[in-house]
N, C-alpha and C. Protein backbone atom coordinates (compact mmCIF):
# COMPACT_ATOMS: atom_id res chain seq x y z
N UNK A 1 18.91 -28.92 -7.00
CA UNK A 1 17.55 -28.65 -6.60
C UNK A 1 16.69 -28.24 -7.80
N UNK A 2 17.27 -27.45 -8.71
CA UNK A 2 16.52 -27.06 -9.90
C UNK A 2 16.18 -28.29 -10.72
N UNK A 3 17.15 -29.18 -10.87
CA UNK A 3 16.91 -30.41 -11.63
C UNK A 3 15.79 -31.22 -10.99
N UNK A 4 15.84 -31.35 -9.68
CA UNK A 4 14.82 -32.13 -8.99
C UNK A 4 13.44 -31.50 -9.11
N UNK A 5 13.32 -30.23 -8.76
CA UNK A 5 12.00 -29.59 -8.75
C UNK A 5 11.46 -29.31 -10.15
N UNK A 6 12.34 -28.86 -11.06
CA UNK A 6 11.88 -28.46 -12.38
C UNK A 6 11.66 -29.67 -13.29
N UNK A 7 12.69 -30.53 -13.37
CA UNK A 7 12.60 -31.63 -14.33
C UNK A 7 11.92 -32.86 -13.75
N UNK A 8 12.39 -33.34 -12.62
CA UNK A 8 11.88 -34.59 -12.07
C UNK A 8 10.45 -34.47 -11.56
N UNK A 9 10.19 -33.41 -10.78
CA UNK A 9 8.85 -33.23 -10.22
C UNK A 9 7.94 -32.41 -11.13
N UNK A 10 8.51 -31.89 -12.24
CA UNK A 10 7.77 -31.15 -13.26
C UNK A 10 6.93 -30.01 -12.65
N UNK A 11 7.57 -29.21 -11.79
CA UNK A 11 6.87 -28.10 -11.17
C UNK A 11 7.01 -26.80 -11.95
N UNK A 12 7.80 -26.81 -13.01
CA UNK A 12 7.95 -25.61 -13.83
C UNK A 12 8.59 -24.46 -13.08
N UNK A 13 8.04 -23.26 -13.31
CA UNK A 13 8.59 -22.06 -12.70
C UNK A 13 8.50 -22.12 -11.17
N UNK A 14 7.45 -22.73 -10.65
CA UNK A 14 7.33 -22.88 -9.20
C UNK A 14 8.48 -23.71 -8.64
N UNK A 15 8.93 -24.71 -9.41
CA UNK A 15 10.07 -25.53 -9.00
C UNK A 15 11.35 -24.72 -8.89
N UNK A 16 11.55 -23.78 -9.83
CA UNK A 16 12.73 -22.92 -9.76
C UNK A 16 12.66 -22.02 -8.53
N UNK A 17 11.46 -21.50 -8.25
CA UNK A 17 11.28 -20.67 -7.05
C UNK A 17 11.55 -21.48 -5.79
N UNK A 18 11.06 -22.71 -5.73
CA UNK A 18 11.30 -23.56 -4.56
C UNK A 18 12.78 -23.88 -4.41
N UNK A 19 13.45 -24.16 -5.52
CA UNK A 19 14.88 -24.46 -5.47
C UNK A 19 15.67 -23.26 -4.96
N UNK A 20 15.31 -22.07 -5.40
CA UNK A 20 15.98 -20.86 -4.94
C UNK A 20 15.73 -20.66 -3.45
N UNK A 21 14.50 -20.85 -3.02
CA UNK A 21 14.17 -20.70 -1.59
C UNK A 21 14.94 -21.72 -0.76
N UNK A 22 15.04 -22.95 -1.23
CA UNK A 22 15.80 -23.99 -0.51
C UNK A 22 17.27 -23.61 -0.40
N UNK A 23 17.82 -23.03 -1.47
CA UNK A 23 19.22 -22.64 -1.46
C UNK A 23 19.45 -21.55 -0.41
N UNK A 24 18.57 -20.54 -0.37
CA UNK A 24 18.74 -19.47 0.62
C UNK A 24 18.56 -19.98 2.04
N UNK A 25 17.61 -20.86 2.26
CA UNK A 25 17.40 -21.41 3.60
C UNK A 25 18.60 -22.27 4.02
N UNK A 26 19.14 -23.05 3.08
CA UNK A 26 20.31 -23.87 3.38
C UNK A 26 21.49 -22.98 3.77
N UNK A 27 21.71 -21.89 3.02
CA UNK A 27 22.79 -20.96 3.36
C UNK A 27 22.57 -20.36 4.74
N UNK A 28 21.33 -20.00 5.05
CA UNK A 28 21.02 -19.40 6.35
C UNK A 28 21.35 -20.38 7.48
N UNK A 29 20.87 -21.63 7.36
CA UNK A 29 21.11 -22.59 8.42
C UNK A 29 22.58 -22.98 8.54
N UNK A 30 23.29 -23.04 7.41
CA UNK A 30 24.71 -23.34 7.47
C UNK A 30 25.48 -22.22 8.18
N UNK A 31 25.13 -20.97 7.89
CA UNK A 31 25.79 -19.84 8.57
C UNK A 31 25.47 -19.83 10.05
N UNK A 32 24.21 -20.08 10.40
CA UNK A 32 23.84 -20.14 11.82
C UNK A 32 24.60 -21.25 12.53
N UNK A 33 24.68 -22.41 11.91
CA UNK A 33 25.40 -23.53 12.50
C UNK A 33 26.88 -23.23 12.66
N UNK A 34 27.46 -22.57 11.65
CA UNK A 34 28.87 -22.21 11.71
C UNK A 34 29.14 -21.27 12.88
N UNK A 35 28.30 -20.29 13.07
CA UNK A 35 28.50 -19.32 14.14
C UNK A 35 28.21 -19.94 15.50
N UNK A 36 27.12 -20.69 15.61
CA UNK A 36 26.69 -21.18 16.92
C UNK A 36 27.45 -22.40 17.42
N UNK A 37 27.86 -23.29 16.52
CA UNK A 37 28.35 -24.60 16.97
C UNK A 37 29.83 -24.87 16.75
N UNK A 38 30.51 -24.06 15.96
CA UNK A 38 31.92 -24.39 15.70
C UNK A 38 32.86 -23.82 16.74
N UNK A 39 32.49 -22.71 17.36
CA UNK A 39 33.35 -22.10 18.37
C UNK A 39 34.56 -21.38 17.81
N UNK A 40 34.60 -21.13 16.51
CA UNK A 40 35.77 -20.46 15.93
C UNK A 40 35.64 -18.94 15.94
N UNK A 41 34.48 -18.43 16.34
CA UNK A 41 34.28 -16.99 16.38
C UNK A 41 34.43 -16.51 17.82
N UNK A 42 35.16 -15.42 17.98
CA UNK A 42 35.40 -14.87 19.31
C UNK A 42 34.15 -14.16 19.82
N UNK A 43 33.94 -14.24 21.11
CA UNK A 43 32.89 -13.44 21.73
C UNK A 43 33.57 -12.46 22.69
N UNK A 44 32.98 -11.31 22.83
CA UNK A 44 33.54 -10.27 23.67
C UNK A 44 32.51 -9.89 24.71
N UNK A 45 32.84 -10.10 25.97
CA UNK A 45 31.91 -9.80 27.04
C UNK A 45 31.69 -8.30 27.24
N UNK A 46 32.65 -7.48 26.83
CA UNK A 46 32.52 -6.04 27.06
C UNK A 46 31.76 -5.33 25.93
N UNK A 47 31.35 -6.05 24.90
CA UNK A 47 30.58 -5.46 23.81
C UNK A 47 29.12 -5.85 24.00
N UNK A 48 28.30 -4.86 24.22
CA UNK A 48 26.87 -5.09 24.45
C UNK A 48 26.08 -4.57 23.25
N UNK A 49 24.89 -5.12 23.05
CA UNK A 49 24.05 -4.68 21.94
C UNK A 49 23.64 -3.23 22.12
N UNK A 50 23.24 -2.85 23.32
CA UNK A 50 22.83 -1.48 23.58
C UNK A 50 23.84 -0.82 24.50
N UNK A 51 24.88 -0.25 23.89
CA UNK A 51 25.87 0.51 24.65
C UNK A 51 26.08 1.84 23.95
N UNK A 52 26.86 2.69 24.56
CA UNK A 52 27.10 4.00 23.94
C UNK A 52 27.77 3.84 22.58
N UNK A 53 28.71 2.91 22.48
CA UNK A 53 29.43 2.70 21.22
C UNK A 53 28.52 2.14 20.13
N UNK A 54 27.54 1.32 20.52
CA UNK A 54 26.71 0.69 19.49
C UNK A 54 25.45 1.48 19.16
N UNK A 55 25.18 2.56 19.90
CA UNK A 55 23.97 3.33 19.64
C UNK A 55 24.24 4.78 19.28
N UNK A 56 25.48 5.12 18.96
CA UNK A 56 25.81 6.49 18.55
C UNK A 56 26.50 6.45 17.19
N UNK A 57 26.50 7.57 16.52
CA UNK A 57 27.18 7.68 15.23
C UNK A 57 26.41 7.06 14.08
N UNK A 58 25.12 6.94 14.24
CA UNK A 58 24.33 6.31 13.18
C UNK A 58 24.09 7.22 11.98
N UNK A 59 24.16 8.53 12.16
CA UNK A 59 23.85 9.43 11.06
C UNK A 59 24.80 9.23 9.89
N UNK A 60 26.09 9.12 10.16
CA UNK A 60 27.06 8.91 9.09
C UNK A 60 26.91 7.51 8.48
N UNK A 61 26.69 6.51 9.33
CA UNK A 61 26.49 5.15 8.82
C UNK A 61 25.24 5.06 7.97
N UNK A 62 24.18 5.71 8.41
CA UNK A 62 22.92 5.68 7.67
C UNK A 62 23.08 6.36 6.31
N UNK A 63 23.75 7.50 6.29
CA UNK A 63 23.97 8.22 5.03
C UNK A 63 24.78 7.37 4.06
N UNK A 64 25.87 6.78 4.54
CA UNK A 64 26.70 5.93 3.69
C UNK A 64 25.93 4.69 3.23
N UNK A 65 25.16 4.11 4.15
CA UNK A 65 24.39 2.92 3.81
C UNK A 65 23.32 3.20 2.77
N UNK A 66 22.63 4.32 2.89
CA UNK A 66 21.59 4.67 1.91
C UNK A 66 22.19 4.98 0.54
N UNK A 67 23.37 5.62 0.52
CA UNK A 67 24.05 5.86 -0.75
C UNK A 67 24.44 4.54 -1.42
N UNK A 68 24.97 3.61 -0.64
CA UNK A 68 25.34 2.31 -1.17
C UNK A 68 24.11 1.55 -1.66
N UNK A 69 23.03 1.63 -0.89
CA UNK A 69 21.79 0.98 -1.28
C UNK A 69 21.29 1.53 -2.60
N UNK A 70 21.32 2.86 -2.76
CA UNK A 70 20.85 3.47 -4.00
C UNK A 70 21.68 3.00 -5.20
N UNK A 71 22.99 2.93 -5.02
CA UNK A 71 23.84 2.45 -6.12
C UNK A 71 23.47 1.03 -6.51
N UNK A 72 23.32 0.15 -5.52
CA UNK A 72 22.99 -1.24 -5.81
C UNK A 72 21.62 -1.41 -6.42
N UNK A 73 20.64 -0.69 -5.88
CA UNK A 73 19.27 -0.83 -6.36
C UNK A 73 19.13 -0.30 -7.78
N UNK A 74 19.73 0.85 -8.09
CA UNK A 74 19.59 1.39 -9.44
C UNK A 74 20.30 0.52 -10.46
N UNK A 75 21.41 -0.08 -10.09
CA UNK A 75 22.07 -1.02 -11.01
C UNK A 75 21.20 -2.24 -11.27
N UNK A 76 20.57 -2.73 -10.22
CA UNK A 76 19.69 -3.90 -10.34
C UNK A 76 18.45 -3.54 -11.14
N UNK A 77 17.85 -2.38 -10.83
CA UNK A 77 16.63 -1.98 -11.53
C UNK A 77 16.89 -1.69 -13.01
N UNK A 78 18.08 -1.23 -13.35
CA UNK A 78 18.39 -0.97 -14.76
C UNK A 78 18.24 -2.25 -15.57
N UNK A 79 18.74 -3.36 -15.06
CA UNK A 79 18.57 -4.64 -15.75
C UNK A 79 17.09 -4.95 -15.93
N UNK A 80 16.32 -4.78 -14.88
CA UNK A 80 14.90 -5.12 -14.93
C UNK A 80 14.12 -4.18 -15.84
N UNK A 81 14.45 -2.91 -15.86
CA UNK A 81 13.75 -1.95 -16.71
C UNK A 81 14.00 -2.28 -18.18
N UNK A 82 15.25 -2.58 -18.53
CA UNK A 82 15.54 -2.93 -19.92
C UNK A 82 14.87 -4.24 -20.33
N UNK A 83 14.79 -5.18 -19.40
CA UNK A 83 14.09 -6.43 -19.70
C UNK A 83 12.61 -6.17 -19.90
N UNK A 84 12.03 -5.31 -19.08
CA UNK A 84 10.61 -4.96 -19.25
C UNK A 84 10.37 -4.27 -20.58
N UNK A 85 11.23 -3.35 -20.96
CA UNK A 85 11.09 -2.68 -22.25
C UNK A 85 11.18 -3.70 -23.39
N UNK A 86 12.13 -4.62 -23.30
CA UNK A 86 12.30 -5.63 -24.35
C UNK A 86 11.10 -6.56 -24.45
N UNK A 87 10.39 -6.75 -23.33
CA UNK A 87 9.26 -7.69 -23.36
C UNK A 87 8.10 -7.17 -24.21
N UNK A 88 8.09 -5.88 -24.55
CA UNK A 88 7.05 -5.32 -25.42
C UNK A 88 7.46 -5.35 -26.89
N UNK A 89 8.61 -5.94 -27.19
CA UNK A 89 9.11 -5.97 -28.56
C UNK A 89 9.04 -7.39 -29.10
N UNK A 90 9.71 -7.63 -30.20
CA UNK A 90 9.63 -8.94 -30.86
C UNK A 90 10.36 -10.02 -30.07
N UNK A 91 10.11 -11.26 -30.46
CA UNK A 91 10.74 -12.41 -29.80
C UNK A 91 12.26 -12.38 -29.97
N UNK A 92 12.74 -11.91 -31.10
CA UNK A 92 14.19 -11.82 -31.34
C UNK A 92 14.84 -10.84 -30.37
N UNK A 93 14.18 -9.72 -30.14
CA UNK A 93 14.72 -8.71 -29.22
C UNK A 93 14.68 -9.24 -27.79
N UNK A 94 13.62 -9.96 -27.44
CA UNK A 94 13.55 -10.55 -26.10
C UNK A 94 14.67 -11.57 -25.90
N UNK A 95 14.92 -12.39 -26.95
CA UNK A 95 16.00 -13.38 -26.87
C UNK A 95 17.35 -12.69 -26.72
N UNK A 96 17.56 -11.61 -27.48
CA UNK A 96 18.83 -10.87 -27.37
C UNK A 96 18.98 -10.26 -25.98
N UNK A 97 17.88 -9.71 -25.44
CA UNK A 97 17.93 -9.12 -24.09
C UNK A 97 18.23 -10.19 -23.04
N UNK A 98 17.67 -11.36 -23.21
CA UNK A 98 17.93 -12.45 -22.27
C UNK A 98 19.41 -12.84 -22.29
N UNK A 99 19.98 -12.92 -23.48
CA UNK A 99 21.41 -13.26 -23.61
C UNK A 99 22.26 -12.15 -22.99
N UNK A 100 21.93 -10.90 -23.31
CA UNK A 100 22.70 -9.78 -22.76
C UNK A 100 22.59 -9.71 -21.25
N UNK A 101 21.41 -10.00 -20.73
CA UNK A 101 21.22 -9.99 -19.27
C UNK A 101 22.07 -11.08 -18.62
N UNK A 102 22.10 -12.26 -19.24
CA UNK A 102 22.91 -13.36 -18.70
C UNK A 102 24.40 -13.00 -18.71
N UNK A 103 24.85 -12.43 -19.81
CA UNK A 103 26.26 -12.01 -19.90
C UNK A 103 26.54 -10.92 -18.86
N UNK A 104 25.62 -9.97 -18.73
CA UNK A 104 25.79 -8.91 -17.73
C UNK A 104 25.86 -9.45 -16.33
N UNK A 105 25.02 -10.42 -16.01
CA UNK A 105 25.03 -10.99 -14.66
C UNK A 105 26.30 -11.78 -14.39
N UNK A 106 26.79 -12.50 -15.40
CA UNK A 106 28.04 -13.24 -15.22
C UNK A 106 29.20 -12.27 -14.98
N UNK A 107 29.26 -11.21 -15.80
CA UNK A 107 30.36 -10.26 -15.63
C UNK A 107 30.19 -9.43 -14.37
N UNK A 108 29.00 -9.40 -13.81
CA UNK A 108 28.77 -8.69 -12.55
C UNK A 108 29.12 -9.57 -11.35
N UNK A 109 28.74 -10.84 -11.41
CA UNK A 109 28.91 -11.71 -10.25
C UNK A 109 30.37 -12.06 -9.97
N UNK A 110 31.18 -12.16 -11.00
CA UNK A 110 32.61 -12.43 -10.76
C UNK A 110 33.27 -11.32 -9.94
N UNK A 111 33.13 -10.05 -10.35
CA UNK A 111 33.73 -8.99 -9.52
C UNK A 111 33.10 -8.89 -8.13
N UNK A 112 31.81 -9.19 -8.00
CA UNK A 112 31.18 -9.14 -6.68
C UNK A 112 31.82 -10.19 -5.76
N UNK A 113 32.03 -11.38 -6.27
CA UNK A 113 32.68 -12.42 -5.48
C UNK A 113 34.09 -12.04 -5.08
N UNK A 114 34.82 -11.47 -6.03
CA UNK A 114 36.19 -11.03 -5.75
C UNK A 114 36.18 -9.94 -4.69
N UNK A 115 35.26 -8.97 -4.82
CA UNK A 115 35.24 -7.87 -3.86
C UNK A 115 34.81 -8.34 -2.47
N UNK A 116 33.89 -9.30 -2.40
CA UNK A 116 33.49 -9.82 -1.09
C UNK A 116 34.67 -10.53 -0.41
N UNK A 117 35.36 -11.36 -1.18
CA UNK A 117 36.51 -12.07 -0.62
C UNK A 117 37.61 -11.10 -0.23
N UNK A 118 37.86 -10.10 -1.09
CA UNK A 118 38.91 -9.12 -0.79
C UNK A 118 38.55 -8.31 0.45
N UNK A 119 37.29 -7.89 0.56
CA UNK A 119 36.88 -7.13 1.73
C UNK A 119 37.10 -7.90 3.01
N UNK A 120 36.79 -9.18 2.98
CA UNK A 120 36.99 -10.01 4.16
C UNK A 120 38.47 -10.17 4.49
N UNK A 121 39.27 -10.46 3.46
CA UNK A 121 40.70 -10.66 3.70
C UNK A 121 41.41 -9.38 4.13
N UNK A 122 41.05 -8.25 3.51
CA UNK A 122 41.64 -6.97 3.92
C UNK A 122 41.23 -6.63 5.35
N UNK A 123 39.95 -6.86 5.68
CA UNK A 123 39.49 -6.59 7.04
C UNK A 123 40.21 -7.44 8.07
N UNK A 124 40.41 -8.71 7.75
CA UNK A 124 41.15 -9.59 8.66
C UNK A 124 42.60 -9.13 8.83
N UNK A 125 43.22 -8.72 7.71
CA UNK A 125 44.61 -8.27 7.77
C UNK A 125 44.72 -6.97 8.57
N UNK A 126 43.76 -6.06 8.41
CA UNK A 126 43.78 -4.83 9.19
C UNK A 126 43.58 -5.15 10.67
N UNK A 127 42.68 -6.09 10.96
CA UNK A 127 42.45 -6.50 12.34
C UNK A 127 43.68 -7.11 12.98
N UNK A 128 44.50 -7.80 12.17
CA UNK A 128 45.75 -8.38 12.67
C UNK A 128 46.86 -7.33 12.77
N UNK A 129 46.61 -6.14 12.23
CA UNK A 129 47.64 -5.10 12.23
C UNK A 129 48.68 -5.31 11.14
N UNK A 130 48.35 -6.08 10.12
CA UNK A 130 49.28 -6.39 9.02
C UNK A 130 48.97 -5.52 7.80
N UNK A 131 49.52 -4.32 7.78
CA UNK A 131 49.28 -3.38 6.69
C UNK A 131 49.79 -3.94 5.36
N UNK A 132 50.95 -4.60 5.39
CA UNK A 132 51.53 -5.16 4.17
C UNK A 132 50.62 -6.23 3.56
N UNK A 133 50.07 -7.05 4.41
CA UNK A 133 49.17 -8.11 3.95
C UNK A 133 47.89 -7.52 3.36
N UNK A 134 47.33 -6.50 4.03
CA UNK A 134 46.11 -5.85 3.54
C UNK A 134 46.37 -5.20 2.18
N UNK A 135 47.49 -4.54 2.04
CA UNK A 135 47.84 -3.90 0.77
C UNK A 135 48.03 -4.93 -0.33
N UNK A 136 48.62 -6.06 0.01
CA UNK A 136 48.80 -7.14 -0.97
C UNK A 136 47.45 -7.67 -1.46
N UNK A 137 46.52 -7.90 -0.53
CA UNK A 137 45.18 -8.35 -0.92
C UNK A 137 44.48 -7.31 -1.78
N UNK A 138 44.63 -6.06 -1.42
CA UNK A 138 44.01 -4.98 -2.17
C UNK A 138 44.54 -4.95 -3.61
N UNK A 139 45.87 -4.99 -3.76
CA UNK A 139 46.48 -4.96 -5.10
C UNK A 139 46.05 -6.17 -5.92
N UNK A 140 45.99 -7.33 -5.29
CA UNK A 140 45.57 -8.54 -6.00
C UNK A 140 44.13 -8.42 -6.48
N UNK A 141 43.25 -7.90 -5.65
CA UNK A 141 41.85 -7.75 -6.06
C UNK A 141 41.72 -6.73 -7.18
N UNK A 142 42.50 -5.66 -7.14
CA UNK A 142 42.47 -4.67 -8.22
C UNK A 142 42.92 -5.30 -9.53
N UNK A 143 43.97 -6.11 -9.47
CA UNK A 143 44.47 -6.79 -10.67
C UNK A 143 43.41 -7.76 -11.21
N UNK A 144 42.81 -8.54 -10.32
CA UNK A 144 41.77 -9.47 -10.76
C UNK A 144 40.58 -8.72 -11.35
N UNK A 145 40.18 -7.63 -10.73
CA UNK A 145 39.08 -6.82 -11.26
C UNK A 145 39.39 -6.28 -12.64
N UNK A 146 40.63 -5.83 -12.85
CA UNK A 146 41.05 -5.32 -14.13
C UNK A 146 41.03 -6.43 -15.19
N UNK A 147 41.54 -7.60 -14.85
CA UNK A 147 41.57 -8.73 -15.79
C UNK A 147 40.15 -9.16 -16.16
N UNK A 148 39.25 -9.23 -15.17
CA UNK A 148 37.87 -9.61 -15.46
C UNK A 148 37.21 -8.55 -16.35
N UNK A 149 37.52 -7.27 -16.12
CA UNK A 149 36.96 -6.21 -16.95
C UNK A 149 37.44 -6.33 -18.39
N UNK A 150 38.69 -6.68 -18.57
CA UNK A 150 39.22 -6.85 -19.91
C UNK A 150 38.58 -8.04 -20.64
N UNK A 151 38.35 -9.10 -19.87
CA UNK A 151 37.74 -10.29 -20.49
C UNK A 151 36.31 -9.99 -20.89
């Protein structure tokens, strides 16, 4: 999509924005289609949107969620703040910041992908009642995280 919008249609930065928007919309529709039309997800008639179980205990969830949000946002904003600071300096410093930001994002996205996959696999194993399997996934993700950190 970037090649099409940026190079072929010569839309410049707007083309990159359109390509990104198309990617997110495609992911959204693919996920909706997967859930709605494949039938591989279980439905539970006894679980309602507004029940005692689904409308209580929010204080702890909210506290944990806001703490997680703060961690993610400050990590993200740190990249942006340093990029903003570098933009007031020379072209060489801006180029160095761009390279460092790219390296930082690559080293960030690999562990994020590993942790997302591990969280899903550990959750599935716990749901199956397979403690050994969950522990194996956990140890594997820790090892992968350590190897990526070393690299």
